[in-house]
């Protein structure tokens, strides 16, 4: 099977002329530069003192004499910085766990069972994917006030979970649809229950798709600003993205070295999570989207 795939790939590549292949690599390199240069500029600016951050001519990489860690030292000694980091990790982790559990159970029920309103329920879940969470900011805020979730991390966690569950359910269902039903029947014959199948079969065999949506949900909850900024007003409850926004405004929108240093520190957990779990993220997305 693998040899056939390699042969078909070689046949496709032979159809392209050297000029076409060269243009393809040039375009890919240009796209890479467009994505990488802003990141490099941000990191290099975080290593420059503020008085030379906007010096002319612009130097993308600071010299050895200019490079300094004073911006990072300033940020790390800010009040509540590590509190912001802790709040963000709590929100992102809780959202990831709750959404993975809820969406996997929903996907299992919709994929395996036939019940009245099944298609309608799945259609509603798919439809909600088209509505951005911030589009319903006002009714969601009224709901949070009603249930006393304002200035409460649970108000962020529960709404984030509601936002990401539809897409997670859609992706996991596409993966579960391809798990043979004979496994379910074998467990039923051995006296197993629905929960046995879910725990021993679905969670294990659908783990790539669950891992993929978990990475996606963690990154989303870690980086989201709009809802957190709306519902969290106490300084000690703010998440890191909101703190960066407030920090930017507090420094008169001019101290870019400090802002870039805080942004670089905020990127470290996101990069680590993606690097460690990228193979699950890519394989889970492709399996759920193509097979389903």
Protein backbone atom coordinates (compact mmCIF):
# COMPACT_ATOMS: atom_id res chain seq x y z
CA UNK A 1 0.00 0.00 0.00
CA UNK A 2 2.79 2.39 0.90
CA UNK A 3 4.68 1.53 -2.29
CA UNK A 4 1.59 2.28 -4.36
CA UNK A 5 1.22 5.67 -2.67
CA UNK A 6 4.87 6.48 -3.38
CA UNK A 7 4.50 5.47 -7.02
CA UNK A 8 1.38 7.57 -7.48
CA UNK A 9 3.13 10.53 -5.85
CA UNK A 10 6.11 10.13 -8.18
CA UNK A 11 3.79 10.02 -11.19
CA UNK A 12 2.14 13.24 -10.10
CA UNK A 13 5.50 14.93 -9.60
CA UNK A 14 6.62 13.93 -13.12
CA UNK A 15 3.72 15.88 -14.56
CA UNK A 16 5.20 19.13 -13.24
CA UNK A 17 7.98 20.86 -15.15
CA UNK A 18 11.12 22.10 -13.36
CA UNK A 19 9.86 25.68 -13.81
CA UNK A 20 6.58 24.84 -12.07
CA UNK A 21 8.38 23.12 -9.21
CA UNK A 22 10.71 26.10 -8.83
CA UNK A 23 7.78 28.53 -8.70
CA UNK A 24 6.10 26.34 -6.10
CA UNK A 25 9.13 26.40 -3.80
CA UNK A 26 9.58 30.15 -4.33
CA UNK A 27 5.98 30.79 -3.30
CA UNK A 28 6.36 28.52 -0.28
CA UNK A 29 9.51 30.37 0.79
CA UNK A 30 7.79 33.73 0.36
CA UNK A 31 4.88 32.54 2.48
CA UNK A 32 7.30 31.30 5.13
CA UNK A 33 9.07 34.68 5.22
CA UNK A 34 5.79 36.55 5.53
CA UNK A 35 4.86 34.44 8.56
CA UNK A 36 8.29 34.31 10.21
CA UNK A 37 9.53 37.90 9.85
CA UNK A 38 6.93 39.44 12.22
CA UNK A 39 7.81 36.82 14.84
CA UNK A 40 11.53 37.49 14.45
CA UNK A 41 10.93 41.24 14.67
CA UNK A 42 8.87 40.81 17.84
CA UNK A 43 11.53 38.69 19.55
CA UNK A 44 14.37 40.99 18.47
CA UNK A 45 12.45 44.09 19.62
CA UNK A 46 11.88 42.50 23.01
CA UNK A 47 15.68 42.32 23.37
CA UNK A 48 16.19 46.01 22.56
CA UNK A 49 15.98 48.95 24.97
CA UNK A 50 12.93 51.11 24.29
CA UNK A 51 15.01 54.10 23.20
CA UNK A 52 16.45 52.21 20.22
CA UNK A 53 13.48 49.99 19.38
CA UNK A 54 12.45 52.40 16.62
CA UNK A 55 15.89 53.57 15.56
CA UNK A 56 16.55 54.19 11.88
CA UNK A 57 17.73 52.36 9.85
CA UNK A 58 15.79 49.43 11.22
CA UNK A 59 17.88 46.45 12.27
CA UNK A 60 16.01 43.17 12.43
CA UNK A 61 18.63 41.56 14.70
CA UNK A 62 20.07 43.68 17.55
CA UNK A 63 23.82 43.90 17.97
CA UNK A 64 25.58 42.33 20.94
CA UNK A 65 25.90 45.76 22.56
CA UNK A 66 22.20 46.51 22.12
CA UNK A 67 20.77 43.17 23.24
CA UNK A 68 19.43 43.24 26.78
CA UNK A 69 17.11 41.23 29.02
CA UNK A 70 15.94 44.31 30.93
CA UNK A 71 12.51 44.18 29.27
CA UNK A 72 11.99 40.62 30.47
CA UNK A 73 13.25 41.49 33.93
CA UNK A 74 10.78 44.37 34.08
CA UNK A 75 7.86 42.19 32.99
CA UNK A 76 8.67 39.30 35.33
CA UNK A 77 8.71 41.68 38.29
CA UNK A 78 5.30 43.13 37.46
CA UNK A 79 2.63 42.66 40.10
CA UNK A 80 0.36 39.65 39.48
CA UNK A 81 2.23 38.50 36.36
CA UNK A 82 2.47 34.91 37.56
CA UNK A 83 -1.13 35.16 38.78
CA UNK A 84 -2.16 35.98 35.22
CA UNK A 85 -0.21 32.98 33.96
CA UNK A 86 -1.83 30.71 36.54
CA UNK A 87 -5.33 31.97 35.70
CA UNK A 88 -4.73 31.38 32.00
CA UNK A 89 -3.45 27.85 32.56
CA UNK A 90 -6.43 27.04 34.80
CA UNK A 91 -8.91 28.34 32.22
CA UNK A 92 -7.21 26.63 29.26
CA UNK A 93 -6.77 23.29 31.04
CA UNK A 94 -10.31 23.17 32.43
CA UNK A 95 -11.80 24.14 29.07
CA UNK A 96 -9.77 21.43 27.35
CA UNK A 97 -10.80 18.70 29.79
CA UNK A 98 -14.49 19.60 29.92
CA UNK A 99 -14.85 20.05 26.16
CA UNK A 100 -13.02 16.78 25.44
CA UNK A 101 -15.30 14.84 27.80
CA UNK A 102 -18.52 16.47 26.63
CA UNK A 103 -17.80 16.42 22.91
CA UNK A 104 -16.57 12.80 22.93
CA UNK A 105 -19.78 11.65 24.66
CA UNK A 106 -21.94 13.68 22.27
CA UNK A 107 -20.07 12.36 19.25
CA UNK A 108 -20.40 8.78 20.50
CA UNK A 109 -24.16 9.10 21.05
CA UNK A 110 -24.82 10.75 17.69
CA UNK A 111 -22.61 8.33 15.78
CA UNK A 112 -23.76 5.06 17.36
CA UNK A 113 -27.40 5.49 18.41
CA UNK A 114 -30.61 6.14 16.47
CA UNK A 115 -33.16 8.21 18.40
CA UNK A 116 -35.90 10.74 17.54
CA UNK A 117 -34.44 14.14 16.76
CA UNK A 118 -30.92 12.79 16.18
CA UNK A 119 -30.47 14.48 12.81
CA UNK A 120 -32.01 17.71 14.11
CA UNK A 121 -29.67 17.71 17.11
CA UNK A 122 -26.63 17.18 14.90
CA UNK A 123 -27.82 19.90 12.50
CA UNK A 124 -28.13 22.35 15.38
CA UNK A 125 -24.61 21.47 16.55
CA UNK A 126 -23.23 22.04 13.05
CA UNK A 127 -25.17 25.31 12.70
CA UNK A 128 -23.73 26.73 15.91
CA UNK A 129 -20.26 26.34 14.39
CA UNK A 130 -21.17 29.16 12.01
CA UNK A 131 -21.92 31.65 14.82
CA UNK A 132 -18.89 33.31 16.47
CA UNK A 133 -19.09 33.35 20.25
CA UNK A 134 -18.60 37.12 20.44
CA UNK A 135 -21.60 37.62 18.11
CA UNK A 136 -23.79 36.70 21.10
CA UNK A 137 -21.84 38.79 23.60
CA UNK A 138 -24.85 40.64 25.04
CA UNK A 139 -27.11 37.63 25.75
CA UNK A 140 -24.14 35.67 27.04
CA UNK A 141 -23.22 38.48 29.42
CA UNK A 142 -26.83 38.65 30.67
CA UNK A 143 -26.70 34.90 31.22
CA UNK A 144 -23.44 35.26 33.14
CA UNK A 145 -24.99 37.98 35.33
CA UNK A 146 -28.02 35.80 36.02
CA UNK A 147 -25.89 32.89 37.19
CA UNK A 148 -23.42 35.16 39.07
CA UNK A 149 -20.49 34.21 36.83
CA UNK A 150 -19.11 37.74 36.38
CA UNK A 151 -15.64 38.16 37.92
CA UNK A 152 -15.42 34.38 38.17
CA UNK A 153 -13.11 32.08 36.24
CA UNK A 154 -16.00 29.63 35.88
CA UNK A 155 -17.75 32.25 33.77
CA UNK A 156 -14.86 32.03 31.30
CA UNK A 157 -14.41 28.25 31.45
CA UNK A 158 -18.07 27.34 30.91
CA UNK A 159 -18.58 29.72 28.00
CA UNK A 160 -15.33 28.70 26.33
CA UNK A 161 -16.45 25.07 26.66
CA UNK A 162 -19.76 25.92 25.00
CA UNK A 163 -17.94 27.69 22.15
CA UNK A 164 -15.56 24.86 21.26
CA UNK A 165 -17.83 21.85 21.86
CA UNK A 166 -19.65 21.96 18.45
CA UNK A 167 -16.46 21.79 16.39
CA UNK A 168 -14.97 19.18 18.71
CA UNK A 169 -18.10 17.04 18.42
CA UNK A 170 -18.08 17.32 14.64
CA UNK A 171 -14.45 16.25 14.37
CA UNK A 172 -14.65 13.36 16.85
CA UNK A 173 -17.87 12.04 15.29
CA UNK A 174 -16.15 11.83 11.91
CA UNK A 175 -13.51 9.63 13.52
CA UNK A 176 -15.95 7.43 15.47
CA UNK A 177 -18.01 6.79 12.33
CA UNK A 178 -15.08 4.76 10.98
CA UNK A 179 -14.67 2.55 14.06
CA UNK A 180 -16.13 -0.89 13.18
CA UNK A 181 -19.45 -1.60 14.88
CA UNK A 182 -18.40 -5.23 15.28
CA UNK A 183 -16.33 -4.11 18.28
CA UNK A 184 -19.48 -2.80 19.95
CA UNK A 185 -21.34 -6.03 19.28
CA UNK A 186 -18.48 -8.13 20.65
CA UNK A 187 -18.50 -6.19 23.92
CA UNK A 188 -22.30 -6.45 24.18
CA UNK A 189 -22.04 -10.22 23.76
CA UNK A 190 -19.50 -10.34 26.59
CA UNK A 191 -21.95 -8.56 28.88
CA UNK A 192 -20.53 -5.06 28.44
CA UNK A 193 -22.61 -1.89 28.60
CA UNK A 194 -22.72 1.35 26.66
CA UNK A 195 -20.34 2.91 29.17
CA UNK A 196 -17.94 -0.02 28.78
CA UNK A 197 -17.81 0.54 25.02
CA UNK A 198 -17.31 4.27 25.48
CA UNK A 199 -14.53 3.83 28.03
CA UNK A 200 -12.65 0.87 26.54
CA UNK A 201 -13.20 1.31 22.81
CA UNK A 202 -14.22 4.84 21.86
CA UNK A 203 -11.84 6.75 24.12
CA UNK A 204 -8.91 4.59 23.04
CA UNK A 205 -9.54 4.32 19.32
CA UNK A 206 -10.70 7.93 18.93
CA UNK A 207 -7.79 9.26 20.98
CA UNK A 208 -6.05 10.92 17.95
CA UNK A 209 -9.11 13.05 17.23
CA UNK A 210 -9.65 13.83 20.92
CA UNK A 211 -6.01 14.87 21.21
CA UNK A 212 -6.35 17.05 18.10
CA UNK A 213 -9.36 18.96 19.40
CA UNK A 214 -7.75 19.21 22.83
CA UNK A 215 -4.73 21.00 21.34
CA UNK A 216 -7.00 23.29 19.35
CA UNK A 217 -9.19 24.05 22.39
CA UNK A 218 -6.21 24.69 24.66
CA UNK A 219 -4.71 27.17 22.20
CA UNK A 220 -8.06 28.91 21.78
CA UNK A 221 -8.72 29.23 25.52
CA UNK A 222 -5.15 30.36 26.14
CA UNK A 223 -5.28 33.15 23.54
CA UNK A 224 -8.89 34.44 23.61
CA UNK A 225 -9.30 38.05 24.72
CA UNK A 226 -12.78 39.41 24.00
CA UNK A 227 -14.91 37.41 26.41
CA UNK A 228 -12.31 37.38 29.20
CA UNK A 229 -11.95 41.14 28.97
CA UNK A 230 -15.72 41.54 29.17
CA UNK A 231 -16.43 39.30 32.12
CA UNK A 232 -13.29 39.60 34.27
CA UNK A 233 -12.90 43.03 35.87
CA UNK A 234 -10.81 42.23 38.93
CA UNK A 235 -7.09 42.50 38.27
CA UNK A 236 -6.22 39.32 40.16
CA UNK A 237 -8.61 37.28 37.97
CA UNK A 238 -7.41 38.45 34.57
CA UNK A 239 -5.94 36.06 32.06
CA UNK A 240 -2.64 36.69 30.34
CA UNK A 241 -4.03 37.99 26.99
CA UNK A 242 -6.19 40.51 28.85
CA UNK A 243 -3.21 41.50 30.99
CA UNK A 244 -1.15 42.12 27.85
CA UNK A 245 -3.87 44.42 26.51
CA UNK A 246 -4.07 46.33 29.79
CA UNK A 247 -0.28 46.46 30.00
CA UNK A 248 -0.14 47.90 26.49
CA UNK A 249 -2.63 50.62 27.35
CA UNK A 250 -0.98 51.42 30.68
CA UNK A 251 2.34 52.16 28.95
CA UNK A 252 0.83 54.75 26.62
CA UNK A 253 1.18 52.44 23.59
CA UNK A 254 4.86 53.40 23.26
CA UNK A 255 6.90 50.98 25.38
CA UNK A 256 6.96 48.28 22.78
CA UNK A 257 9.94 46.50 24.29
CA UNK A 258 7.94 45.69 27.42
CA UNK A 259 4.88 44.68 25.43
CA UNK A 260 6.88 42.42 23.11
CA UNK A 261 8.68 40.83 26.06
CA UNK A 262 5.38 39.96 27.75
CA UNK A 263 4.00 38.63 24.47
CA UNK A 264 7.05 36.41 23.96
CA UNK A 265 6.67 34.99 27.46
CA UNK A 266 2.98 34.31 26.79
CA UNK A 267 3.90 32.38 23.64
CA UNK A 268 6.12 29.85 25.45
CA UNK A 269 3.33 27.57 26.80
CA UNK A 270 1.50 27.66 23.46
CA UNK A 271 4.61 26.69 21.51
CA UNK A 272 5.47 23.90 23.96
CA UNK A 273 1.97 22.42 23.78
CA UNK A 274 1.94 22.49 20.00
CA UNK A 275 5.44 21.05 19.61
CA UNK A 276 4.72 18.20 22.01
CA UNK A 277 1.33 17.31 20.52
CA UNK A 278 1.60 18.41 16.90
CA UNK A 279 1.58 14.86 15.52
CA UNK A 280 -1.74 14.18 17.27
CA UNK A 281 -3.09 17.52 16.10
CA UNK A 282 -2.27 16.93 12.44
CA UNK A 283 -3.26 13.24 12.30
CA UNK A 284 -6.46 13.82 14.22
CA UNK A 285 -7.57 16.71 12.04
CA UNK A 286 -6.87 14.86 8.81
CA UNK A 287 -8.52 11.62 9.99
CA UNK A 288 -11.64 13.29 11.29
CA UNK A 289 -12.05 15.54 8.28
CA UNK A 290 -11.21 13.09 5.48
CA UNK A 291 -12.66 9.85 6.81
CA UNK A 292 -15.77 11.46 8.24
